[in-house]
Amino acid sequence: MKKSIAIVQTSAVSSAELKALCEEIMPEVTVYQIIDDSLIKEVNANGGPTYGVKRRMYNYFRQAESLGVDAILNQCSSVGEVADAIKPFVSVPVVKVDEAMAEKAVSLGKKIAVVATVPTTVGPSVRLVEQKAKELGKEIEIETHLVKDAMMILIEKGDVETHNKMVLGEVEAAAETCDVVVLAQGSMTVLLPLLGHIQKPVLTSPRLGVERVKEVLGI
């Protein structure tokens, strides 16, 4: 029987990229997308997930389950801990898009930089890396870099060039002092063509996240 997944997304910023990655990495899998951009707006306005965000996320995960999917992919790092809390209440595997990236970062180095463009992503991303380090029995040091206003410039103004310039400068600075750089949001993959000169590993989540879903599906 053909397998299927649902991607629960707090905005459409990564929608096309995730769909394309699924078609490339696991073309035989049917992909449903559940997108509610009110989620990330409410998270950002309140400094983190509200009761309303958690309730809507729960409903979306249950709706995904009702589709008969074989796995659910949570797209947004800012609500990764909400996805963790919902896991026990659904009967299908839940994969966080950034989990595989955090594991890889811990395996590659001791001093890890987390670069983000949204304040609400920093805490969950740092805690996820710390959790993976604990699971792997490894001591690490985390350095955080928040590029304020870059996401707003990208999403609200559509100014990719300014966004990239702002974030790239922070990535370059992080690479000078750290063993590996983690780009905390999937939207930051727009930087990939610009990173060839950076000698340290720079990790993004979408491809690694989809590859993890494929592993979970056993295909």
N, C-alpha and C. Protein backbone atom coordinates (compact mmCIF):
# COMPACT_ATOMS: atom_id res chain seq x y z
N MET A 1 0.84 -1.20 0.00
CA MET A 1 0.00 0.00 0.00
C MET A 1 0.87 1.24 0.00
N LYS A 2 0.50 2.23 -0.79
CA LYS A 2 1.27 3.46 -0.89
C LYS A 2 1.27 4.21 0.43
N LYS A 3 2.46 4.65 0.85
CA LYS A 3 2.57 5.37 2.11
C LYS A 3 2.29 6.85 1.90
N SER A 4 1.93 7.53 3.01
CA SER A 4 1.64 8.95 2.94
C SER A 4 2.10 9.64 4.22
N ILE A 5 2.36 10.94 4.10
CA ILE A 5 2.73 11.75 5.26
C ILE A 5 1.95 13.06 5.21
N ALA A 6 1.89 13.73 6.35
CA ALA A 6 1.35 15.09 6.41
C ALA A 6 2.43 15.99 6.99
N ILE A 7 2.60 17.16 6.38
CA ILE A 7 3.52 18.16 6.89
C ILE A 7 2.69 19.27 7.52
N VAL A 8 2.86 19.49 8.82
CA VAL A 8 2.15 20.55 9.52
C VAL A 8 3.07 21.77 9.57
N GLN A 9 2.59 22.88 9.00
CA GLN A 9 3.44 24.05 8.80
C GLN A 9 2.82 25.31 9.39
N THR A 10 3.66 26.13 10.02
CA THR A 10 3.18 27.37 10.63
C THR A 10 3.26 28.56 9.67
N SER A 11 3.76 28.33 8.49
CA SER A 11 3.73 29.33 7.41
C SER A 11 4.04 28.59 6.12
N ALA A 12 3.86 29.27 5.01
CA ALA A 12 4.11 28.64 3.71
C ALA A 12 5.55 28.83 3.24
N VAL A 13 6.41 29.39 4.10
CA VAL A 13 7.75 29.77 3.66
C VAL A 13 8.57 28.59 3.15
N SER A 14 8.37 27.40 3.72
CA SER A 14 9.14 26.22 3.31
C SER A 14 8.31 25.22 2.52
N SER A 15 7.08 25.58 2.20
CA SER A 15 6.15 24.63 1.59
C SER A 15 6.66 24.04 0.28
N ALA A 16 7.05 24.90 -0.65
CA ALA A 16 7.49 24.42 -1.96
C ALA A 16 8.77 23.59 -1.84
N GLU A 17 9.68 24.04 -0.98
CA GLU A 17 10.95 23.32 -0.83
C GLU A 17 10.73 21.94 -0.22
N LEU A 18 9.92 21.85 0.80
CA LEU A 18 9.67 20.55 1.43
C LEU A 18 8.97 19.60 0.47
N LYS A 19 8.01 20.11 -0.29
CA LYS A 19 7.32 19.27 -1.27
C LYS A 19 8.30 18.75 -2.33
N ALA A 20 9.19 19.63 -2.78
CA ALA A 20 10.18 19.23 -3.78
C ALA A 20 11.15 18.19 -3.22
N LEU A 21 11.56 18.37 -1.98
CA LEU A 21 12.47 17.40 -1.35
C LEU A 21 11.79 16.04 -1.19
N CYS A 22 10.52 16.05 -0.84
CA CYS A 22 9.78 14.79 -0.72
C CYS A 22 9.70 14.08 -2.07
N GLU A 23 9.45 14.85 -3.11
CA GLU A 23 9.36 14.27 -4.46
C GLU A 23 10.71 13.71 -4.90
N GLU A 24 11.80 14.35 -4.47
CA GLU A 24 13.14 13.88 -4.82
C GLU A 24 13.54 12.65 -4.01
N ILE A 25 13.33 12.71 -2.70
CA ILE A 25 13.88 11.70 -1.79
C ILE A 25 12.96 10.49 -1.65
N MET A 26 11.66 10.72 -1.69
CA MET A 26 10.72 9.60 -1.55
C MET A 26 9.52 9.85 -2.47
N PRO A 27 9.73 9.76 -3.78
CA PRO A 27 8.69 10.10 -4.76
C PRO A 27 7.46 9.23 -4.69
N GLU A 28 7.60 8.04 -4.10
CA GLU A 28 6.47 7.13 -4.03
C GLU A 28 5.50 7.46 -2.90
N VAL A 29 5.84 8.46 -2.08
CA VAL A 29 5.03 8.80 -0.91
C VAL A 29 4.08 9.96 -1.23
N THR A 30 2.81 9.81 -0.85
CA THR A 30 1.84 10.90 -0.99
C THR A 30 2.06 11.91 0.13
N VAL A 31 2.09 13.20 -0.24
CA VAL A 31 2.36 14.26 0.73
C VAL A 31 1.16 15.19 0.85
N TYR A 32 0.65 15.33 2.08
CA TYR A 32 -0.38 16.31 2.38
C TYR A 32 0.27 17.46 3.15
N GLN A 33 -0.18 18.68 2.89
CA GLN A 33 0.36 19.83 3.62
C GLN A 33 -0.77 20.55 4.35
N ILE A 34 -0.57 20.75 5.63
CA ILE A 34 -1.50 21.51 6.45
C ILE A 34 -0.78 22.78 6.87
N ILE A 35 -1.23 23.93 6.36
CA ILE A 35 -0.54 25.19 6.57
C ILE A 35 -1.46 26.20 7.24
N ASP A 36 -1.01 26.77 8.33
CA ASP A 36 -1.75 27.83 9.02
C ASP A 36 -0.76 28.91 9.42
N ASP A 37 -0.68 30.00 8.65
CA ASP A 37 0.32 31.02 8.94
C ASP A 37 -0.06 31.90 10.13
N SER A 38 -1.25 31.69 10.69
CA SER A 38 -1.58 32.41 11.93
C SER A 38 -0.75 31.87 13.09
N LEU A 39 -0.26 30.65 12.96
CA LEU A 39 0.49 30.04 14.06
C LEU A 39 1.77 30.79 14.36
N ILE A 40 2.62 30.99 13.34
CA ILE A 40 3.90 31.64 13.59
C ILE A 40 3.70 33.11 13.95
N LYS A 41 2.65 33.73 13.40
CA LYS A 41 2.38 35.13 13.76
C LYS A 41 2.02 35.24 15.23
N GLU A 42 1.23 34.29 15.72
CA GLU A 42 0.84 34.32 17.13
C GLU A 42 2.01 33.96 18.04
N VAL A 43 2.83 33.01 17.60
CA VAL A 43 4.04 32.65 18.37
C VAL A 43 4.95 33.86 18.50
N ASN A 44 5.21 34.54 17.39
CA ASN A 44 6.13 35.68 17.41
C ASN A 44 5.57 36.85 18.21
N ALA A 45 4.26 37.07 18.13
CA ALA A 45 3.64 38.19 18.84
C ALA A 45 3.66 37.98 20.35
N ASN A 46 3.71 36.71 20.77
CA ASN A 46 3.62 36.41 22.20
C ASN A 46 4.91 35.85 22.79
N GLY A 47 5.96 35.79 21.99
CA GLY A 47 7.24 35.31 22.49
C GLY A 47 7.31 33.81 22.69
N GLY A 48 6.37 33.10 22.13
CA GLY A 48 6.35 31.64 22.25
C GLY A 48 4.95 31.12 22.00
N PRO A 49 4.79 29.81 21.98
CA PRO A 49 3.47 29.21 21.71
C PRO A 49 2.45 29.54 22.80
N THR A 50 1.29 30.01 22.40
CA THR A 50 0.19 30.28 23.31
C THR A 50 -0.70 29.03 23.44
N TYR A 51 -1.68 29.11 24.31
CA TYR A 51 -2.65 28.01 24.43
C TYR A 51 -3.34 27.79 23.09
N GLY A 52 -3.70 28.91 22.41
CA GLY A 52 -4.38 28.79 21.13
C GLY A 52 -3.53 28.09 20.08
N VAL A 53 -2.24 28.41 20.05
CA VAL A 53 -1.32 27.75 19.12
C VAL A 53 -1.26 26.26 19.42
N LYS A 54 -1.11 25.93 20.69
CA LYS A 54 -1.01 24.52 21.08
C LYS A 54 -2.29 23.77 20.73
N ARG A 55 -3.42 24.42 20.94
CA ARG A 55 -4.70 23.77 20.65
C ARG A 55 -4.86 23.53 19.15
N ARG A 56 -4.52 24.54 18.34
CA ARG A 56 -4.65 24.37 16.90
C ARG A 56 -3.67 23.33 16.38
N MET A 57 -2.46 23.34 16.91
CA MET A 57 -1.47 22.32 16.51
C MET A 57 -1.99 20.92 16.83
N TYR A 58 -2.56 20.76 18.02
CA TYR A 58 -3.13 19.46 18.41
C TYR A 58 -4.20 19.03 17.41
N ASN A 59 -5.08 19.98 17.07
CA ASN A 59 -6.14 19.65 16.11
C ASN A 59 -5.58 19.28 14.75
N TYR A 60 -4.55 19.97 14.30
CA TYR A 60 -3.96 19.66 12.99
C TYR A 60 -3.29 18.29 12.99
N PHE A 61 -2.63 17.95 14.09
CA PHE A 61 -2.01 16.63 14.16
C PHE A 61 -3.07 15.53 14.16
N ARG A 62 -4.17 15.76 14.87
CA ARG A 62 -5.25 14.77 14.88
C ARG A 62 -5.92 14.69 13.50
N GLN A 63 -6.05 15.81 12.82
CA GLN A 63 -6.59 15.79 11.46
C GLN A 63 -5.67 15.02 10.52
N ALA A 64 -4.36 15.24 10.68
CA ALA A 64 -3.39 14.50 9.87
C ALA A 64 -3.52 13.00 10.13
N GLU A 65 -3.66 12.64 11.38
CA GLU A 65 -3.84 11.23 11.75
C GLU A 65 -5.09 10.66 11.10
N SER A 66 -6.15 11.47 11.03
CA SER A 66 -7.41 11.00 10.46
C SER A 66 -7.32 10.77 8.95
N LEU A 67 -6.30 11.35 8.32
CA LEU A 67 -6.07 11.11 6.90
C LEU A 67 -5.50 9.72 6.65
N GLY A 68 -5.07 9.06 7.71
CA GLY A 68 -4.49 7.73 7.57
C GLY A 68 -3.02 7.77 7.19
N VAL A 69 -2.33 8.88 7.50
CA VAL A 69 -0.93 9.00 7.12
C VAL A 69 -0.06 8.07 7.96
N ASP A 70 1.14 7.81 7.45
CA ASP A 70 2.09 6.94 8.13
C ASP A 70 3.07 7.71 9.00
N ALA A 71 3.14 9.02 8.84
CA ALA A 71 4.00 9.87 9.67
C ALA A 71 3.57 11.32 9.52
N ILE A 72 3.91 12.12 10.53
CA ILE A 72 3.65 13.56 10.51
C ILE A 72 4.98 14.27 10.64
N LEU A 73 5.24 15.23 9.76
CA LEU A 73 6.45 16.04 9.82
C LEU A 73 6.09 17.42 10.35
N ASN A 74 6.70 17.80 11.47
CA ASN A 74 6.51 19.14 12.02
C ASN A 74 7.56 20.07 11.42
N GLN A 75 7.11 21.09 10.70
CA GLN A 75 8.00 21.94 9.90
C GLN A 75 8.70 23.04 10.68
N CYS A 76 8.12 23.50 11.79
CA CYS A 76 8.59 24.74 12.41
C CYS A 76 9.33 24.49 13.72
N SER A 77 10.55 25.01 13.79
CA SER A 77 11.37 24.84 15.00
C SER A 77 10.77 25.55 16.20
N SER A 78 10.09 26.67 15.98
CA SER A 78 9.53 27.44 17.10
C SER A 78 8.47 26.67 17.87
N VAL A 79 7.82 25.69 17.20
CA VAL A 79 6.79 24.90 17.87
C VAL A 79 7.22 23.44 18.01
N GLY A 80 8.51 23.19 17.92
CA GLY A 80 9.01 21.81 18.05
C GLY A 80 8.64 21.17 19.38
N GLU A 81 8.68 21.96 20.44
CA GLU A 81 8.35 21.40 21.75
C GLU A 81 6.86 21.15 21.89
N VAL A 82 6.05 21.90 21.16
CA VAL A 82 4.61 21.62 21.11
C VAL A 82 4.38 20.27 20.43
N ALA A 83 5.12 20.02 19.35
CA ALA A 83 5.00 18.73 18.66
C ALA A 83 5.39 17.59 19.60
N ASP A 84 6.41 17.79 20.40
CA ASP A 84 6.81 16.77 21.38
C ASP A 84 5.67 16.46 22.35
N ALA A 85 4.99 17.52 22.79
CA ALA A 85 3.90 17.34 23.75
C ALA A 85 2.70 16.63 23.14
N ILE A 86 2.52 16.78 21.83
CA ILE A 86 1.36 16.16 21.15
C ILE A 86 1.63 14.70 20.81
N LYS A 87 2.88 14.33 20.65
CA LYS A 87 3.24 12.97 20.21
C LYS A 87 2.46 11.86 20.91
N PRO A 88 2.32 11.90 22.25
CA PRO A 88 1.62 10.80 22.92
C PRO A 88 0.15 10.68 22.56
N PHE A 89 -0.41 11.71 21.92
CA PHE A 89 -1.84 11.73 21.66
C PHE A 89 -2.20 11.36 20.22
N VAL A 90 -1.19 11.02 19.42
CA VAL A 90 -1.46 10.55 18.06
C VAL A 90 -0.79 9.18 17.89
N SER A 91 -1.36 8.38 17.00
CA SER A 91 -0.92 6.99 16.87
C SER A 91 0.12 6.77 15.78
N VAL A 92 0.56 7.87 15.14
CA VAL A 92 1.57 7.75 14.08
C VAL A 92 2.83 8.49 14.50
N PRO A 93 3.98 8.11 13.94
CA PRO A 93 5.23 8.78 14.31
C PRO A 93 5.22 10.26 13.95
N VAL A 94 5.79 11.07 14.84
CA VAL A 94 5.94 12.51 14.60
C VAL A 94 7.43 12.81 14.47
N VAL A 95 7.81 13.41 13.36
CA VAL A 95 9.20 13.76 13.09
C VAL A 95 9.34 15.28 13.11
N LYS A 96 10.28 15.78 13.89
CA LYS A 96 10.57 17.21 13.88
C LYS A 96 11.62 17.48 12.81
N VAL A 97 11.39 18.47 11.99
CA VAL A 97 12.25 18.71 10.83
C VAL A 97 13.69 18.98 11.22
N ASP A 98 13.92 19.50 12.42
CA ASP A 98 15.27 19.89 12.82
C ASP A 98 15.97 18.87 13.72
N GLU A 99 15.32 17.75 14.01
CA GLU A 99 15.89 16.78 14.94
C GLU A 99 17.14 16.12 14.37
N ALA A 100 17.09 15.68 13.12
CA ALA A 100 18.25 15.04 12.50
C ALA A 100 19.41 16.03 12.39
N MET A 101 19.10 17.29 12.13
CA MET A 101 20.14 18.32 12.04
C MET A 101 20.84 18.49 13.38
N ALA A 102 20.07 18.51 14.46
CA ALA A 102 20.67 18.66 15.79
C ALA A 102 21.58 17.48 16.11
N GLU A 103 21.15 16.28 15.76
CA GLU A 103 21.98 15.09 16.00
C GLU A 103 23.29 15.17 15.21
N LYS A 104 23.19 15.59 13.96
CA LYS A 104 24.39 15.69 13.13
C LYS A 104 25.34 16.75 13.66
N ALA A 105 24.80 17.86 14.13
CA ALA A 105 25.63 18.92 14.68
C ALA A 105 26.44 18.43 15.87
N VAL A 106 25.78 17.70 16.75
CA VAL A 106 26.46 17.17 17.94
C VAL A 106 27.54 16.18 17.54
N SER A 107 27.29 15.42 16.48
CA SER A 107 28.28 14.43 16.04
C SER A 107 29.50 15.08 15.39
N LEU A 108 29.35 16.31 14.89
CA LEU A 108 30.42 16.95 14.13
C LEU A 108 31.35 17.82 14.96
N GLY A 109 30.91 18.25 16.12
CA GLY A 109 31.78 19.15 16.87
C GLY A 109 31.32 19.39 18.29
N LYS A 110 32.19 20.02 19.07
CA LYS A 110 31.89 20.32 20.47
C LYS A 110 31.29 21.71 20.62
N LYS A 111 31.83 22.68 19.88
CA LYS A 111 31.32 24.04 19.96
C LYS A 111 30.39 24.28 18.78
N ILE A 112 29.11 24.50 19.08
CA ILE A 112 28.07 24.57 18.05
C ILE A 112 27.43 25.95 18.06
N ALA A 113 27.36 26.56 16.89
CA ALA A 113 26.67 27.85 16.76
C ALA A 113 25.26 27.61 16.26
N VAL A 114 24.30 28.24 16.90
CA VAL A 114 22.90 28.21 16.45
C VAL A 114 22.56 29.60 15.94
N VAL A 115 22.31 29.70 14.64
CA VAL A 115 21.98 30.98 14.01
C VAL A 115 20.49 30.99 13.69
N ALA A 116 19.78 32.02 14.14
CA ALA A 116 18.34 32.11 13.92
C ALA A 116 17.96 33.52 13.50
N THR A 117 16.82 33.64 12.84
CA THR A 117 16.33 34.96 12.44
C THR A 117 15.03 35.32 13.16
N VAL A 118 14.55 34.41 14.01
CA VAL A 118 13.34 34.66 14.79
C VAL A 118 13.65 34.34 16.26
N PRO A 119 13.40 35.27 17.19
CA PRO A 119 13.73 35.04 18.60
C PRO A 119 13.11 33.78 19.19
N THR A 120 11.89 33.46 18.76
CA THR A 120 11.19 32.32 19.35
C THR A 120 11.78 30.97 18.93
N THR A 121 12.68 30.99 17.95
CA THR A 121 13.32 29.76 17.50
C THR A 121 14.56 29.42 18.33
N VAL A 122 15.17 30.43 18.92
CA VAL A 122 16.45 30.25 19.60
C VAL A 122 16.36 29.23 20.73
N GLY A 123 15.42 29.47 21.66
CA GLY A 123 15.30 28.58 22.83
C GLY A 123 15.04 27.14 22.45
N PRO A 124 13.99 26.85 21.65
CA PRO A 124 13.72 25.46 21.28
C PRO A 124 14.88 24.81 20.53
N SER A 125 15.57 25.56 19.68
CA SER A 125 16.68 24.99 18.91
C SER A 125 17.86 24.65 19.82
N VAL A 126 18.17 25.55 20.73
CA VAL A 126 19.26 25.31 21.67
C VAL A 126 18.94 24.11 22.55
N ARG A 127 17.71 24.05 23.06
CA ARG A 127 17.33 22.93 23.94
C ARG A 127 17.36 21.61 23.19
N LEU A 128 17.00 21.63 21.90
CA LEU A 128 17.04 20.40 21.11
C LEU A 128 18.47 19.91 20.94
N VAL A 129 19.39 20.81 20.64
CA VAL A 129 20.80 20.42 20.50
C VAL A 129 21.33 19.89 21.84
N GLU A 130 20.98 20.55 22.92
CA GLU A 130 21.40 20.09 24.25
C GLU A 130 20.85 18.70 24.56
N GLN A 131 19.59 18.49 24.17
CA GLN A 131 18.96 17.18 24.40
C GLN A 131 19.69 16.08 23.63
N LYS A 132 20.04 16.36 22.37
CA LYS A 132 20.73 15.36 21.56
C LYS A 132 22.13 15.09 22.11
N ALA A 133 22.79 16.12 22.61
CA ALA A 133 24.10 15.93 23.21
C ALA A 133 24.01 15.04 24.45
N LYS A 134 22.97 15.26 25.23
CA LYS A 134 22.77 14.45 26.43
C LYS A 134 22.51 13.01 26.06
N GLU A 135 21.68 12.79 25.04
CA GLU A 135 21.37 11.43 24.60
C GLU A 135 22.61 10.71 24.09
N LEU A 136 23.52 11.47 23.47
CA LEU A 136 24.73 10.88 22.91
C LEU A 136 25.89 10.89 23.91
N GLY A 137 25.64 11.41 25.11
CA GLY A 137 26.67 11.43 26.14
C GLY A 137 27.85 12.32 25.78
N LYS A 138 27.58 13.44 25.14
CA LYS A 138 28.65 14.32 24.68
C LYS A 138 28.52 15.71 25.30
N GLU A 139 29.65 16.25 25.74
CA GLU A 139 29.66 17.61 26.27
C GLU A 139 29.83 18.60 25.12
N ILE A 140 29.01 19.62 25.12
CA ILE A 140 29.07 20.60 24.05
C ILE A 140 29.00 22.01 24.63
N GLU A 141 29.30 22.97 23.78
CA GLU A 141 29.14 24.38 24.10
C GLU A 141 28.35 25.01 22.96
N ILE A 142 27.33 25.80 23.30
CA ILE A 142 26.48 26.40 22.27
C ILE A 142 26.62 27.92 22.28
N GLU A 143 26.79 28.46 21.10
CA GLU A 143 26.87 29.91 20.91
C GLU A 143 25.68 30.33 20.05
N THR A 144 24.90 31.29 20.49
CA THR A 144 23.70 31.69 19.75
C THR A 144 23.92 33.00 18.99
N HIS A 145 23.35 33.05 17.80
CA HIS A 145 23.42 34.24 16.96
C HIS A 145 22.02 34.54 16.45
N LEU A 146 21.43 35.64 16.90
CA LEU A 146 20.09 36.03 16.45
C LEU A 146 20.22 37.21 15.48
N VAL A 147 19.74 37.00 14.26
CA VAL A 147 19.78 38.05 13.24
C VAL A 147 18.41 38.73 13.24
N LYS A 148 18.28 39.76 14.04
CA LYS A 148 16.99 40.42 14.22
C LYS A 148 16.48 41.04 12.91
N ASP A 149 15.18 40.91 12.71
CA ASP A 149 14.46 41.52 11.58
C ASP A 149 14.70 40.84 10.23
N ALA A 150 15.61 39.86 10.17
CA ALA A 150 15.89 39.24 8.87
C ALA A 150 14.67 38.49 8.33
N MET A 151 13.97 37.78 9.19
CA MET A 151 12.80 37.03 8.75
C MET A 151 11.70 37.96 8.26
N MET A 152 11.51 39.07 8.97
CA MET A 152 10.49 40.03 8.55
C MET A 152 10.83 40.58 7.16
N ILE A 153 12.11 40.87 6.94
CA ILE A 153 12.55 41.39 5.65
C ILE A 153 12.30 40.37 4.54
N LEU A 154 12.50 39.09 4.86
CA LEU A 154 12.31 38.04 3.87
C LEU A 154 10.83 37.80 3.57
N ILE A 155 10.02 37.64 4.60
CA ILE A 155 8.62 37.26 4.42
C ILE A 155 7.73 38.46 4.06
N GLU A 156 7.87 39.56 4.81
CA GLU A 156 6.96 40.67 4.62
C GLU A 156 7.36 41.57 3.44
N LYS A 157 8.66 41.70 3.21
CA LYS A 157 9.12 42.58 2.14
C LYS A 157 9.61 41.81 0.91
N GLY A 158 9.83 40.51 1.09
CA GLY A 158 10.31 39.70 -0.03
C GLY A 158 11.72 40.06 -0.48
N ASP A 159 12.49 40.66 0.42
CA ASP A 159 13.84 41.13 0.08
C ASP A 159 14.85 40.04 0.42
N VAL A 160 15.02 39.11 -0.50
CA VAL A 160 15.92 37.98 -0.28
C VAL A 160 17.37 38.44 -0.16
N GLU A 161 17.76 39.41 -0.96
CA GLU A 161 19.16 39.86 -0.99
C GLU A 161 19.59 40.45 0.36
N THR A 162 18.75 41.31 0.93
CA THR A 162 19.09 41.91 2.23
C THR A 162 19.10 40.85 3.32
N HIS A 163 18.10 39.97 3.30
CA HIS A 163 18.05 38.87 4.26
C HIS A 163 19.33 38.06 4.20
N ASN A 164 19.74 37.68 3.00
CA ASN A 164 20.92 36.84 2.85
C ASN A 164 22.19 37.54 3.32
N LYS A 165 22.30 38.81 3.02
CA LYS A 165 23.47 39.57 3.44
C LYS A 165 23.57 39.63 4.96
N MET A 166 22.45 39.87 5.61
CA MET A 166 22.42 39.96 7.07
C MET A 166 22.80 38.64 7.71
N VAL A 167 22.18 37.56 7.22
CA VAL A 167 22.40 36.25 7.84
C VAL A 167 23.79 35.71 7.51
N LEU A 168 24.24 35.93 6.28
CA LEU A 168 25.55 35.42 5.88
C LEU A 168 26.65 36.00 6.75
N GLY A 169 26.56 37.28 7.06
CA GLY A 169 27.57 37.89 7.92
C GLY A 169 27.64 37.21 9.28
N GLU A 170 26.47 36.84 9.81
CA GLU A 170 26.42 36.17 11.12
C GLU A 170 26.96 34.75 11.02
N VAL A 171 26.66 34.07 9.93
CA VAL A 171 27.18 32.71 9.73
C VAL A 171 28.70 32.73 9.63
N GLU A 172 29.23 33.70 8.90
CA GLU A 172 30.69 33.82 8.76
C GLU A 172 31.34 34.05 10.11
N ALA A 173 30.75 34.91 10.92
CA ALA A 173 31.29 35.19 12.25
C ALA A 173 31.23 33.94 13.13
N ALA A 174 30.12 33.21 13.05
CA ALA A 174 29.96 32.00 13.86
C ALA A 174 30.97 30.94 13.48
N ALA A 175 31.24 30.82 12.18
CA ALA A 175 32.17 29.80 11.69
C ALA A 175 33.60 30.05 12.14
N GLU A 176 33.90 31.28 12.48
CA GLU A 176 35.26 31.61 12.93
C GLU A 176 35.54 31.05 14.32
N THR A 177 34.51 30.91 15.14
CA THR A 177 34.73 30.52 16.54
C THR A 177 34.15 29.14 16.89
N CYS A 178 33.36 28.55 15.99
CA CYS A 178 32.68 27.29 16.31
C CYS A 178 33.07 26.17 15.35
N ASP A 179 32.81 24.93 15.77
CA ASP A 179 33.13 23.76 14.96
C ASP A 179 32.10 23.51 13.87
N VAL A 180 30.85 23.87 14.15
CA VAL A 180 29.75 23.62 13.23
C VAL A 180 28.69 24.69 13.44
N VAL A 181 28.03 25.07 12.35
CA VAL A 181 27.00 26.10 12.41
C VAL A 181 25.65 25.48 12.04
N VAL A 182 24.66 25.72 12.88
CA VAL A 182 23.30 25.24 12.65
C VAL A 182 22.42 26.41 12.24
N LEU A 183 21.77 26.31 11.09
CA LEU A 183 20.80 27.31 10.67
C LEU A 183 19.44 26.86 11.18
N ALA A 184 18.93 27.57 12.17
CA ALA A 184 17.81 27.06 12.96
C ALA A 184 16.49 26.96 12.21
N GLN A 185 16.31 27.73 11.13
CA GLN A 185 15.03 27.72 10.42
C GLN A 185 15.19 27.21 8.99
N GLY A 186 14.20 26.48 8.54
CA GLY A 186 14.24 25.94 7.19
C GLY A 186 14.32 27.01 6.12
N SER A 187 13.76 28.19 6.40
CA SER A 187 13.78 29.29 5.43
C SER A 187 15.19 29.74 5.10
N MET A 188 16.15 29.39 5.94
CA MET A 188 17.52 29.85 5.77
C MET A 188 18.28 29.05 4.70
N THR A 189 17.62 28.07 4.11
CA THR A 189 18.28 27.32 3.03
C THR A 189 18.52 28.20 1.80
N VAL A 190 17.90 29.37 1.74
CA VAL A 190 18.18 30.29 0.64
C VAL A 190 19.65 30.71 0.62
N LEU A 191 20.34 30.48 1.75
CA LEU A 191 21.75 30.85 1.84
C LEU A 191 22.69 29.80 1.25
N LEU A 192 22.20 28.61 1.01
CA LEU A 192 23.08 27.51 0.63
C LEU A 192 24.01 27.84 -0.54
N PRO A 193 23.54 28.49 -1.60
CA PRO A 193 24.45 28.80 -2.71
C PRO A 193 25.58 29.77 -2.34
N LEU A 194 25.47 30.42 -1.18
CA LEU A 194 26.43 31.45 -0.79
C LEU A 194 27.45 30.96 0.22
N LEU A 195 27.40 29.69 0.59
CA LEU A 195 28.21 29.20 1.71
C LEU A 195 29.46 28.45 1.30
N GLY A 196 29.76 28.41 0.00
CA GLY A 196 30.88 27.61 -0.48
C GLY A 196 32.22 27.99 0.10
N HIS A 197 32.39 29.25 0.48
CA HIS A 197 33.69 29.71 1.00
C HIS A 197 33.89 29.42 2.48
N ILE A 198 32.85 28.97 3.16
CA ILE A 198 32.94 28.72 4.60
C ILE A 198 33.51 27.32 4.84
N GLN A 199 34.56 27.24 5.61
CA GLN A 199 35.29 26.00 5.80
C GLN A 199 34.63 25.04 6.80
N LYS A 200 33.84 25.58 7.72
CA LYS A 200 33.19 24.75 8.73
C LYS A 200 31.85 24.21 8.19
N PRO A 201 31.39 23.07 8.71
CA PRO A 201 30.07 22.56 8.29
C PRO A 201 28.96 23.53 8.67
N VAL A 202 28.06 23.80 7.72
CA VAL A 202 26.88 24.62 7.98
C VAL A 202 25.66 23.76 7.66
N LEU A 203 24.84 23.50 8.66
CA LEU A 203 23.74 22.55 8.52
C LEU A 203 22.39 23.26 8.41
N THR A 204 21.54 22.75 7.52
CA THR A 204 20.16 23.20 7.42
C THR A 204 19.24 21.99 7.62
N SER A 205 17.99 22.26 7.95
CA SER A 205 17.12 21.18 8.40
C SER A 205 16.26 20.48 7.35
N PRO A 206 15.79 21.14 6.28
CA PRO A 206 14.78 20.48 5.43
C PRO A 206 15.20 19.14 4.84
N ARG A 207 16.36 19.08 4.17
CA ARG A 207 16.76 17.82 3.55
C ARG A 207 16.98 16.72 4.60
N LEU A 208 17.66 17.06 5.69
CA LEU A 208 17.91 16.08 6.74
C LEU A 208 16.59 15.63 7.37
N GLY A 209 15.65 16.55 7.50
CA GLY A 209 14.35 16.21 8.07
C GLY A 209 13.56 15.26 7.20
N VAL A 210 13.57 15.50 5.89
CA VAL A 210 12.85 14.61 4.97
C VAL A 210 13.54 13.24 4.91
N GLU A 211 14.86 13.23 4.95
CA GLU A 211 15.57 11.95 4.96
C GLU A 211 15.23 11.15 6.22
N ARG A 212 15.03 11.85 7.34
CA ARG A 212 14.63 11.17 8.58
C ARG A 212 13.22 10.59 8.44
N VAL A 213 12.34 11.32 7.80
CA VAL A 213 10.98 10.79 7.57
C VAL A 213 11.06 9.51 6.75
N LYS A 214 11.90 9.49 5.73
CA LYS A 214 12.05 8.29 4.90
C LYS A 214 12.52 7.12 5.75
N GLU A 215 13.47 7.37 6.65
CA GLU A 215 13.93 6.31 7.56
C GLU A 215 12.78 5.78 8.40
N VAL A 216 12.01 6.71 8.95
CA VAL A 216 10.88 6.32 9.81
C VAL A 216 9.86 5.49 9.05
N LEU A 217 9.66 5.82 7.78
CA LEU A 217 8.71 5.07 6.95
C LEU A 217 9.26 3.70 6.54
N GLY A 218 10.57 3.54 6.66
CA GLY A 218 11.20 2.26 6.33
C GLY A 218 11.21 1.97 4.85
N ILE A 219 11.43 3.01 4.04
CA ILE A 219 11.45 2.83 2.58
C ILE A 219 12.81 3.21 2.00
